[in-house]
């Protein structure tokens, strides 16, 4: 069973609605649907909430900024002695078009600095990842400026739709029905 869902993003109102904050948006919506609120936990450098159904699951939003996400995530995981199979990290993915969403276990960071920092500070690669597509600005374009900006109205609609599809599969994710979730998300991406 999953015990922790980490949503990656950057704190501050200036980052709300940007491509890089889709992980925050996912856990915010999970909390909202469950009627729970995030509270600041300074010892974890994060905002934390806890779901009760279908079983207890922590929600974590690191307040360290994206590139230092590992400080918050590794500290929380070590404190609660969680296993990689009990952790889901949700984040934006440049290598997927806006509107696509993929679930995977293991792999590299794929150039994502938040994931890279988590892997370095936790020392683990084989955790579950939900990657929400934001598209790529194009070869030679400023990636940093792209991920920190707000998407076009068309891309925003596609991202919202992918978040909705992923949230509908939350009970199956929580129960770790990974192959089933992958099949549903990935099949839809290819329609």
Protein backbone atom coordinates (compact mmCIF):
# COMPACT_ATOMS: atom_id res chain seq x y z
CA UNK A 1 0.00 0.00 0.00
CA UNK A 2 1.14 3.53 -0.68
CA UNK A 3 2.00 5.50 2.45
CA UNK A 4 3.32 8.74 0.94
CA UNK A 5 2.49 10.89 -2.08
CA UNK A 6 4.98 13.67 -2.79
CA UNK A 7 3.90 16.48 -5.08
CA UNK A 8 6.83 18.45 -6.48
CA UNK A 9 6.69 22.18 -7.10
CA UNK A 10 7.95 25.55 -5.96
CA UNK A 11 6.48 27.51 -3.03
CA UNK A 12 5.10 31.02 -3.36
CA UNK A 13 2.19 32.64 -5.17
CA UNK A 14 4.44 33.59 -8.09
CA UNK A 15 4.82 29.89 -8.92
CA UNK A 16 1.14 28.94 -8.70
CA UNK A 17 -0.25 27.75 -12.02
CA UNK A 18 3.18 27.22 -13.60
CA UNK A 19 4.14 24.03 -15.43
CA UNK A 20 6.64 23.12 -12.70
CA UNK A 21 3.91 23.02 -10.03
CA UNK A 22 1.72 20.21 -11.38
CA UNK A 23 2.89 17.92 -8.58
CA UNK A 24 1.62 20.42 -6.01
CA UNK A 25 -1.67 20.66 -7.91
CA UNK A 26 -2.14 16.87 -7.79
CA UNK A 27 -1.69 16.58 -4.01
CA UNK A 28 -3.69 19.77 -3.41
CA UNK A 29 -6.60 18.19 -5.27
CA UNK A 30 -6.26 14.90 -3.35
CA UNK A 31 -6.38 16.89 -0.09
CA UNK A 32 -9.35 18.95 -1.28
CA UNK A 33 -11.32 15.86 -2.33
CA UNK A 34 -10.68 14.31 1.10
CA UNK A 35 -11.50 17.53 2.98
CA UNK A 36 -8.07 17.77 4.63
CA UNK A 37 -5.68 20.71 4.82
CA UNK A 38 -1.92 21.04 4.58
CA UNK A 39 0.01 22.23 7.61
CA UNK A 40 3.57 23.50 7.74
CA UNK A 41 6.01 20.97 9.24
CA UNK A 42 9.33 22.76 9.69
CA UNK A 43 11.26 19.63 10.68
CA UNK A 44 10.35 18.14 7.28
CA UNK A 45 10.81 21.44 5.35
CA UNK A 46 7.36 20.75 3.91
CA UNK A 47 3.64 21.20 4.05
CA UNK A 48 2.01 17.94 5.13
CA UNK A 49 -1.52 16.50 5.10
CA UNK A 50 -2.86 13.04 5.85
CA UNK A 51 -5.59 11.12 4.06
CA UNK A 52 -7.62 8.49 5.92
CA UNK A 53 -9.20 6.61 3.01
CA UNK A 54 -8.82 4.09 1.52
CA UNK A 55 -6.02 3.78 4.13
CA UNK A 56 -3.73 6.32 5.85
CA UNK A 57 -1.54 8.13 3.30
CA UNK A 58 0.68 11.16 3.88
CA UNK A 59 0.71 13.99 1.33
CA UNK A 60 3.91 16.03 1.15
CA UNK A 61 4.73 19.33 -0.58
CA UNK A 62 8.43 20.19 -0.15
CA UNK A 63 8.94 23.90 0.52
CA UNK A 64 12.62 23.71 -0.43
CA UNK A 65 12.14 24.71 -4.07
CA UNK A 66 12.31 22.10 -6.78
CA UNK A 67 16.06 21.60 -7.07
CA UNK A 68 16.40 20.78 -3.35
CA UNK A 69 13.34 18.53 -3.03
CA UNK A 70 15.51 15.67 -1.77
CA UNK A 71 16.20 17.48 1.51
CA UNK A 72 12.52 17.35 2.44
CA UNK A 73 11.60 14.02 0.86
CA UNK A 74 14.55 11.97 2.14
CA UNK A 75 14.13 13.39 5.65
CA UNK A 76 10.44 12.47 5.77
CA UNK A 77 11.02 8.99 4.33
CA UNK A 78 13.82 8.21 6.79
CA UNK A 79 11.80 9.50 9.77
CA UNK A 80 8.87 7.22 8.94
CA UNK A 81 11.10 4.39 7.64
CA UNK A 82 9.21 4.09 4.37
CA UNK A 83 10.12 1.68 1.60
CA UNK A 84 10.48 2.80 -2.04
CA UNK A 85 7.39 0.76 -3.00
CA UNK A 86 5.33 2.86 -0.53
CA UNK A 87 6.24 6.20 -2.13
CA UNK A 88 4.68 7.94 -5.16
CA UNK A 89 6.30 11.13 -6.48
CA UNK A 90 4.20 13.32 -8.81
CA UNK A 91 5.89 15.85 -11.09
CA UNK A 92 5.91 17.66 -14.44
CA UNK A 93 7.58 15.95 -17.41
CA UNK A 94 9.13 17.85 -20.33
CA UNK A 95 9.46 14.69 -22.42
CA UNK A 96 5.71 14.08 -22.51
CA UNK A 97 3.30 16.28 -24.49
CA UNK A 98 0.81 18.34 -22.51
CA UNK A 99 -2.17 16.12 -21.75
CA UNK A 100 -0.23 12.87 -21.38
CA UNK A 101 0.35 11.25 -18.03
CA UNK A 102 2.45 8.17 -17.28
CA UNK A 103 3.10 6.01 -14.26
CA UNK A 104 6.39 4.20 -13.89
CA UNK A 105 8.56 2.49 -11.34
CA UNK A 106 12.32 2.99 -11.29
CA UNK A 107 14.46 4.71 -13.90
CA UNK A 108 16.64 7.77 -14.08
CA UNK A 109 15.86 11.40 -13.41
CA UNK A 110 15.41 12.24 -17.10
CA UNK A 111 16.91 15.67 -16.55
CA UNK A 112 14.37 16.61 -13.85
CA UNK A 113 16.34 18.34 -11.09
CA UNK A 114 13.79 17.63 -8.36
CA UNK A 115 13.86 13.89 -9.09
CA UNK A 116 17.65 13.96 -9.41
CA UNK A 117 17.95 15.56 -5.95
CA UNK A 118 15.56 13.05 -4.38
CA UNK A 119 17.52 10.15 -5.86
CA UNK A 120 20.84 11.58 -4.65
CA UNK A 121 19.71 12.36 -1.10
CA UNK A 122 17.55 9.27 -0.58
CA UNK A 123 19.96 6.96 -2.41
CA UNK A 124 17.07 5.14 -4.11
CA UNK A 125 15.81 4.97 -7.70
CA UNK A 126 13.02 2.39 -7.59
CA UNK A 127 10.13 4.49 -6.29
CA UNK A 128 6.83 5.03 -8.12
CA UNK A 129 6.51 8.13 -10.30
CA UNK A 130 3.51 9.84 -11.84
CA UNK A 131 4.77 12.04 -14.68
CA UNK A 132 2.42 14.72 -15.99
CA UNK A 133 3.29 15.97 -19.47
CA UNK A 134 3.98 19.66 -20.03
CA UNK A 135 5.57 19.44 -23.48
CA UNK A 136 8.98 20.76 -24.46
CA UNK A 137 9.73 24.34 -25.59
CA UNK A 138 11.88 23.04 -28.46
CA UNK A 139 15.54 22.48 -29.13
CA UNK A 140 17.73 25.39 -28.09
CA UNK A 141 14.92 27.08 -26.13
CA UNK A 142 15.16 28.19 -22.49
CA UNK A 143 13.86 25.17 -20.53
CA UNK A 144 14.11 26.88 -17.13
CA UNK A 145 12.00 29.82 -18.24
CA UNK A 146 9.52 27.44 -19.87
CA UNK A 147 8.89 25.25 -16.81
CA UNK A 148 8.61 28.31 -14.55
CA UNK A 149 6.02 29.98 -16.80
CA UNK A 150 2.30 29.47 -17.07
CA UNK A 151 1.09 27.31 -19.96
CA UNK A 152 -1.06 28.52 -22.82
CA UNK A 153 -4.82 28.20 -22.34
CA UNK A 154 -4.84 25.18 -24.69
CA UNK A 155 -2.04 23.41 -22.81
CA UNK A 156 -3.65 24.28 -19.47
CA UNK A 157 -6.83 22.50 -20.56
CA UNK A 158 -4.81 19.44 -21.59
CA UNK A 159 -2.91 19.40 -18.29
CA UNK A 160 -6.12 19.76 -16.29
CA UNK A 161 -7.59 16.83 -18.22
CA UNK A 162 -4.54 14.68 -17.48
CA UNK A 163 -4.71 15.59 -13.78
CA UNK A 164 -8.41 14.63 -13.74
CA UNK A 165 -7.70 11.26 -15.39
CA UNK A 166 -4.93 10.52 -12.90
CA UNK A 167 -7.05 11.56 -9.91
CA UNK A 168 -9.85 9.22 -11.02
CA UNK A 169 -7.34 6.37 -10.74
CA UNK A 170 -6.19 7.40 -7.27
CA UNK A 171 -7.92 4.48 -5.44
CA UNK A 172 -6.08 2.02 -7.70
CA UNK A 173 -2.79 3.87 -7.23
CA UNK A 174 -3.26 3.85 -3.46
CA UNK A 175 -3.83 0.09 -3.58
CA UNK A 176 -0.70 -0.25 -5.75
CA UNK A 177 -2.55 -1.72 -8.71
CA UNK A 178 0.30 -0.37 -10.80
CA UNK A 179 -0.11 -2.50 -13.98
CA UNK A 180 -3.82 -1.67 -14.15
CA UNK A 181 -3.20 2.07 -13.69
CA UNK A 182 -0.42 2.02 -16.29
CA UNK A 183 -2.67 0.24 -18.76
CA UNK A 184 -5.47 2.78 -18.34
CA UNK A 185 -3.28 5.88 -18.42
CA UNK A 186 -0.99 4.74 -21.22
CA UNK A 187 -3.75 3.33 -23.40
CA UNK A 188 -5.59 6.66 -23.19
CA UNK A 189 -2.39 8.48 -24.18
CA UNK A 190 -2.22 6.51 -27.41
CA UNK A 191 -5.88 6.93 -28.45
